[in-house]
Structure formats: structure tokens, C-alpha cells
Amino acid sequence: PIKSFELIYAESGLYQDSTGLPIIYTDYTNDIFVGDTINTYWKNNFNERLYRGDTIIFDRIICSPDGKKNFMCKTLKVIIK
């Protein structure tokens, strides 16, 4: 069972630089969750804003397979295609 994890959302956006030329910039947002589920705010956020090229990273995943010891799992990176 997963006890907690950190979610990092890397959202790519098209902006203009100081001369008016288009530039792609990535905005990062993160949140920490207790348990194995993201909350309603993030579910709605993904439904409204998730777009091709965005990345969702699940980091600092803590699991407890035997209920006694905690282990940190590898980072999971999901790129939206």
C-alpha cells in the first residue's frame, strides 16, 4: 500500500518574450498527498488543463508492503502524448 507521494505537474505553455516572439515555457506545480489517491481539485485540474506535452511526475512515493517498514519507491514520470 502507498502511504504518501508528491505530485509534480509540469505544464507547457506558449508565451511571448520581451520582443514579442513566441516561447514555450514550463510552469511547475506540486502537491503532497497522504494515501494513494489524488484529490478532486487535481482531478478537475487535469480534466481542464492537461494537454499534449505536459508531464506528471509522481515522486517521493512511500509504500509499506508489510505494514511495518516504509520504503521509498522509484519516481514515476508520465508524459502526455
N, C-alpha and C. Protein backbone atom coordinates (compact mmCIF):
# COMPACT_ATOMS: atom_id res chain seq x y z
N PRO A 1 0.83 -1.21 0.00
CA PRO A 1 0.00 0.00 0.00
C PRO A 1 0.87 1.27 0.00
N ILE A 2 0.41 2.27 -0.72
CA ILE A 2 1.11 3.56 -0.78
C ILE A 2 0.65 4.42 0.39
N LYS A 3 1.61 4.96 1.13
CA LYS A 3 1.29 5.80 2.27
C LYS A 3 1.24 7.28 1.91
N SER A 4 2.13 7.71 1.02
CA SER A 4 2.14 9.11 0.60
C SER A 4 2.97 9.25 -0.68
N PHE A 5 2.79 10.39 -1.35
CA PHE A 5 3.56 10.69 -2.55
C PHE A 5 3.48 12.18 -2.85
N GLU A 6 4.41 12.63 -3.68
CA GLU A 6 4.40 14.01 -4.14
C GLU A 6 4.06 14.01 -5.63
N LEU A 7 3.18 14.89 -6.03
CA LEU A 7 2.79 15.02 -7.43
C LEU A 7 3.38 16.33 -7.95
N ILE A 8 4.08 16.26 -9.07
CA ILE A 8 4.63 17.44 -9.72
C ILE A 8 4.02 17.52 -11.11
N TYR A 9 3.40 18.63 -11.42
CA TYR A 9 2.76 18.83 -12.71
C TYR A 9 3.55 19.87 -13.48
N ALA A 10 4.12 19.45 -14.61
CA ALA A 10 4.88 20.34 -15.48
C ALA A 10 4.01 20.67 -16.68
N GLU A 11 3.48 21.88 -16.70
CA GLU A 11 2.55 22.31 -17.73
C GLU A 11 3.27 23.22 -18.73
N SER A 12 3.30 22.81 -19.98
CA SER A 12 3.93 23.60 -21.03
C SER A 12 2.96 24.65 -21.53
N GLY A 13 3.46 25.87 -21.70
CA GLY A 13 2.60 26.95 -22.18
C GLY A 13 3.33 27.79 -23.21
N LEU A 14 2.58 28.40 -24.09
CA LEU A 14 3.14 29.28 -25.11
C LEU A 14 3.00 30.72 -24.64
N TYR A 15 4.14 31.41 -24.55
CA TYR A 15 4.18 32.79 -24.08
C TYR A 15 4.91 33.63 -25.11
N GLN A 16 5.03 34.92 -24.83
CA GLN A 16 5.82 35.81 -25.67
C GLN A 16 6.99 36.34 -24.86
N ASP A 17 8.15 36.44 -25.51
CA ASP A 17 9.28 37.04 -24.83
C ASP A 17 9.17 38.56 -24.93
N SER A 18 10.20 39.27 -24.46
CA SER A 18 10.13 40.74 -24.40
C SER A 18 10.06 41.39 -25.78
N THR A 19 10.43 40.65 -26.83
CA THR A 19 10.36 41.21 -28.20
C THR A 19 9.09 40.78 -28.93
N GLY A 20 8.26 39.99 -28.27
CA GLY A 20 7.01 39.55 -28.88
C GLY A 20 7.08 38.22 -29.60
N LEU A 21 8.24 37.58 -29.56
CA LEU A 21 8.39 36.28 -30.21
C LEU A 21 7.83 35.17 -29.32
N PRO A 22 7.25 34.14 -29.91
CA PRO A 22 6.69 33.04 -29.10
C PRO A 22 7.80 32.22 -28.44
N ILE A 23 7.54 31.81 -27.23
CA ILE A 23 8.47 30.99 -26.47
C ILE A 23 7.67 29.98 -25.65
N ILE A 24 8.14 28.75 -25.61
CA ILE A 24 7.49 27.73 -24.80
C ILE A 24 8.14 27.74 -23.43
N TYR A 25 7.32 27.83 -22.42
CA TYR A 25 7.80 27.89 -21.04
C TYR A 25 7.04 26.85 -20.23
N THR A 26 7.71 26.23 -19.29
CA THR A 26 7.08 25.20 -18.46
C THR A 26 6.82 25.73 -17.06
N ASP A 27 5.58 25.64 -16.62
CA ASP A 27 5.19 26.01 -15.26
C ASP A 27 5.11 24.74 -14.42
N TYR A 28 5.69 24.78 -13.22
CA TYR A 28 5.69 23.62 -12.34
C TYR A 28 4.79 23.89 -11.13
N THR A 29 3.96 22.91 -10.82
CA THR A 29 3.10 22.96 -9.64
C THR A 29 3.24 21.62 -8.92
N ASN A 30 3.29 21.66 -7.60
CA ASN A 30 3.40 20.39 -6.88
C ASN A 30 2.46 20.36 -5.68
N ASP A 31 2.21 19.15 -5.22
CA ASP A 31 1.35 18.93 -4.05
C ASP A 31 1.76 17.62 -3.41
N ILE A 32 1.53 17.49 -2.13
CA ILE A 32 1.87 16.27 -1.39
C ILE A 32 0.57 15.62 -0.94
N PHE A 33 0.48 14.30 -1.13
CA PHE A 33 -0.73 13.56 -0.78
C PHE A 33 -0.42 12.47 0.23
N VAL A 34 -1.35 12.28 1.14
CA VAL A 34 -1.29 11.17 2.08
C VAL A 34 -2.27 10.13 1.57
N GLY A 35 -1.80 8.90 1.45
CA GLY A 35 -2.62 7.84 0.88
C GLY A 35 -2.24 7.61 -0.57
N ASP A 36 -3.12 6.94 -1.31
CA ASP A 36 -2.79 6.54 -2.68
C ASP A 36 -3.66 7.20 -3.75
N THR A 37 -4.36 8.31 -3.41
CA THR A 37 -5.31 8.91 -4.33
C THR A 37 -5.10 10.42 -4.41
N ILE A 38 -5.23 10.97 -5.63
CA ILE A 38 -5.21 12.42 -5.76
C ILE A 38 -6.60 12.96 -5.44
N ASN A 39 -6.66 14.21 -5.00
CA ASN A 39 -7.94 14.78 -4.58
C ASN A 39 -8.75 15.31 -5.77
N THR A 40 -9.97 15.73 -5.50
CA THR A 40 -10.89 16.20 -6.53
C THR A 40 -10.36 17.44 -7.23
N TYR A 41 -9.69 18.33 -6.50
CA TYR A 41 -9.13 19.53 -7.11
C TYR A 41 -8.20 19.15 -8.25
N TRP A 42 -7.29 18.20 -8.03
CA TRP A 42 -6.34 17.81 -9.06
C TRP A 42 -7.01 17.05 -10.20
N LYS A 43 -7.98 16.23 -9.90
CA LYS A 43 -8.72 15.54 -10.95
C LYS A 43 -9.39 16.55 -11.89
N ASN A 44 -10.05 17.54 -11.32
CA ASN A 44 -10.70 18.58 -12.13
C ASN A 44 -9.66 19.41 -12.88
N ASN A 45 -8.54 19.70 -12.21
CA ASN A 45 -7.47 20.47 -12.83
C ASN A 45 -6.93 19.75 -14.06
N PHE A 46 -6.71 18.45 -13.96
CA PHE A 46 -6.23 17.68 -15.10
C PHE A 46 -7.27 17.63 -16.22
N ASN A 47 -8.54 17.49 -15.88
CA ASN A 47 -9.60 17.47 -16.90
C ASN A 47 -9.66 18.78 -17.69
N GLU A 48 -9.36 19.89 -17.03
CA GLU A 48 -9.46 21.19 -17.67
C GLU A 48 -8.17 21.63 -18.36
N ARG A 49 -7.00 21.28 -17.81
CA ARG A 49 -5.75 21.88 -18.28
C ARG A 49 -4.76 20.92 -18.92
N LEU A 50 -4.93 19.63 -18.76
CA LEU A 50 -3.95 18.68 -19.27
C LEU A 50 -3.91 18.71 -20.79
N TYR A 51 -2.70 18.78 -21.34
CA TYR A 51 -2.54 18.91 -22.78
C TYR A 51 -1.31 18.14 -23.23
N ARG A 52 -1.26 17.79 -24.48
CA ARG A 52 -0.14 17.05 -25.05
C ARG A 52 1.18 17.77 -24.74
N GLY A 53 2.15 17.02 -24.27
CA GLY A 53 3.46 17.58 -23.93
C GLY A 53 3.62 17.86 -22.45
N ASP A 54 2.51 17.92 -21.70
CA ASP A 54 2.60 18.11 -20.25
C ASP A 54 3.16 16.84 -19.61
N THR A 55 3.74 17.01 -18.42
CA THR A 55 4.33 15.88 -17.71
C THR A 55 3.79 15.84 -16.28
N ILE A 56 3.47 14.65 -15.83
CA ILE A 56 3.06 14.42 -14.44
C ILE A 56 4.12 13.51 -13.82
N ILE A 57 4.68 13.95 -12.71
CA ILE A 57 5.72 13.19 -12.03
C ILE A 57 5.21 12.80 -10.65
N PHE A 58 5.29 11.53 -10.35
CA PHE A 58 4.97 11.02 -9.01
C PHE A 58 6.31 10.73 -8.34
N ASP A 59 6.62 11.51 -7.31
CA ASP A 59 7.93 11.45 -6.67
C ASP A 59 7.76 11.20 -5.18
N ARG A 60 8.83 10.77 -4.55
CA ARG A 60 8.85 10.52 -3.11
C ARG A 60 7.68 9.61 -2.69
N ILE A 61 7.51 8.55 -3.43
CA ILE A 61 6.43 7.59 -3.17
C ILE A 61 6.87 6.70 -2.00
N ILE A 62 6.12 6.75 -0.93
CA ILE A 62 6.41 5.95 0.26
C ILE A 62 5.39 4.81 0.32
N CYS A 63 5.90 3.58 0.36
CA CYS A 63 4.99 2.44 0.50
C CYS A 63 5.42 1.60 1.70
N SER A 64 4.50 0.80 2.16
CA SER A 64 4.73 -0.06 3.33
C SER A 64 4.16 -1.44 3.03
N PRO A 65 4.93 -2.30 2.32
CA PRO A 65 4.39 -3.58 1.90
C PRO A 65 4.04 -4.53 3.05
N ASP A 66 4.76 -4.45 4.15
CA ASP A 66 4.46 -5.35 5.26
C ASP A 66 3.72 -4.65 6.40
N GLY A 67 3.44 -3.36 6.22
CA GLY A 67 2.71 -2.62 7.24
C GLY A 67 3.60 -2.10 8.36
N LYS A 68 4.89 -2.43 8.33
CA LYS A 68 5.79 -2.02 9.40
C LYS A 68 6.88 -1.09 8.89
N LYS A 69 7.61 -1.52 7.87
CA LYS A 69 8.70 -0.72 7.33
C LYS A 69 8.21 0.13 6.16
N ASN A 70 8.73 1.35 6.08
CA ASN A 70 8.43 2.22 4.96
C ASN A 70 9.58 2.17 3.96
N PHE A 71 9.23 2.17 2.68
CA PHE A 71 10.21 2.17 1.60
C PHE A 71 9.90 3.29 0.63
N MET A 72 10.96 3.92 0.10
CA MET A 72 10.76 4.92 -0.94
C MET A 72 10.90 4.24 -2.29
N CYS A 73 9.88 4.40 -3.13
CA CYS A 73 9.86 3.78 -4.45
C CYS A 73 10.48 4.71 -5.48
N LYS A 74 10.73 4.17 -6.66
CA LYS A 74 11.29 4.97 -7.75
C LYS A 74 10.27 5.98 -8.24
N THR A 75 10.79 7.06 -8.79
CA THR A 75 9.95 8.12 -9.36
C THR A 75 9.27 7.60 -10.62
N LEU A 76 8.00 8.00 -10.78
CA LEU A 76 7.21 7.62 -11.96
C LEU A 76 6.92 8.89 -12.75
N LYS A 77 7.34 8.92 -14.01
CA LYS A 77 7.18 10.10 -14.86
C LYS A 77 6.26 9.75 -16.02
N VAL A 78 5.17 10.53 -16.18
CA VAL A 78 4.20 10.29 -17.24
C VAL A 78 4.17 11.50 -18.16
N ILE A 79 4.50 11.29 -19.44
CA ILE A 79 4.45 12.37 -20.42
C ILE A 79 3.20 12.18 -21.27
N ILE A 80 2.37 13.20 -21.36
CA ILE A 80 1.13 13.12 -22.10
C ILE A 80 1.42 13.24 -23.59
N LYS A 81 0.97 12.26 -24.36
CA LYS A 81 1.20 12.26 -25.82
C LYS A 81 -0.08 12.54 -26.55
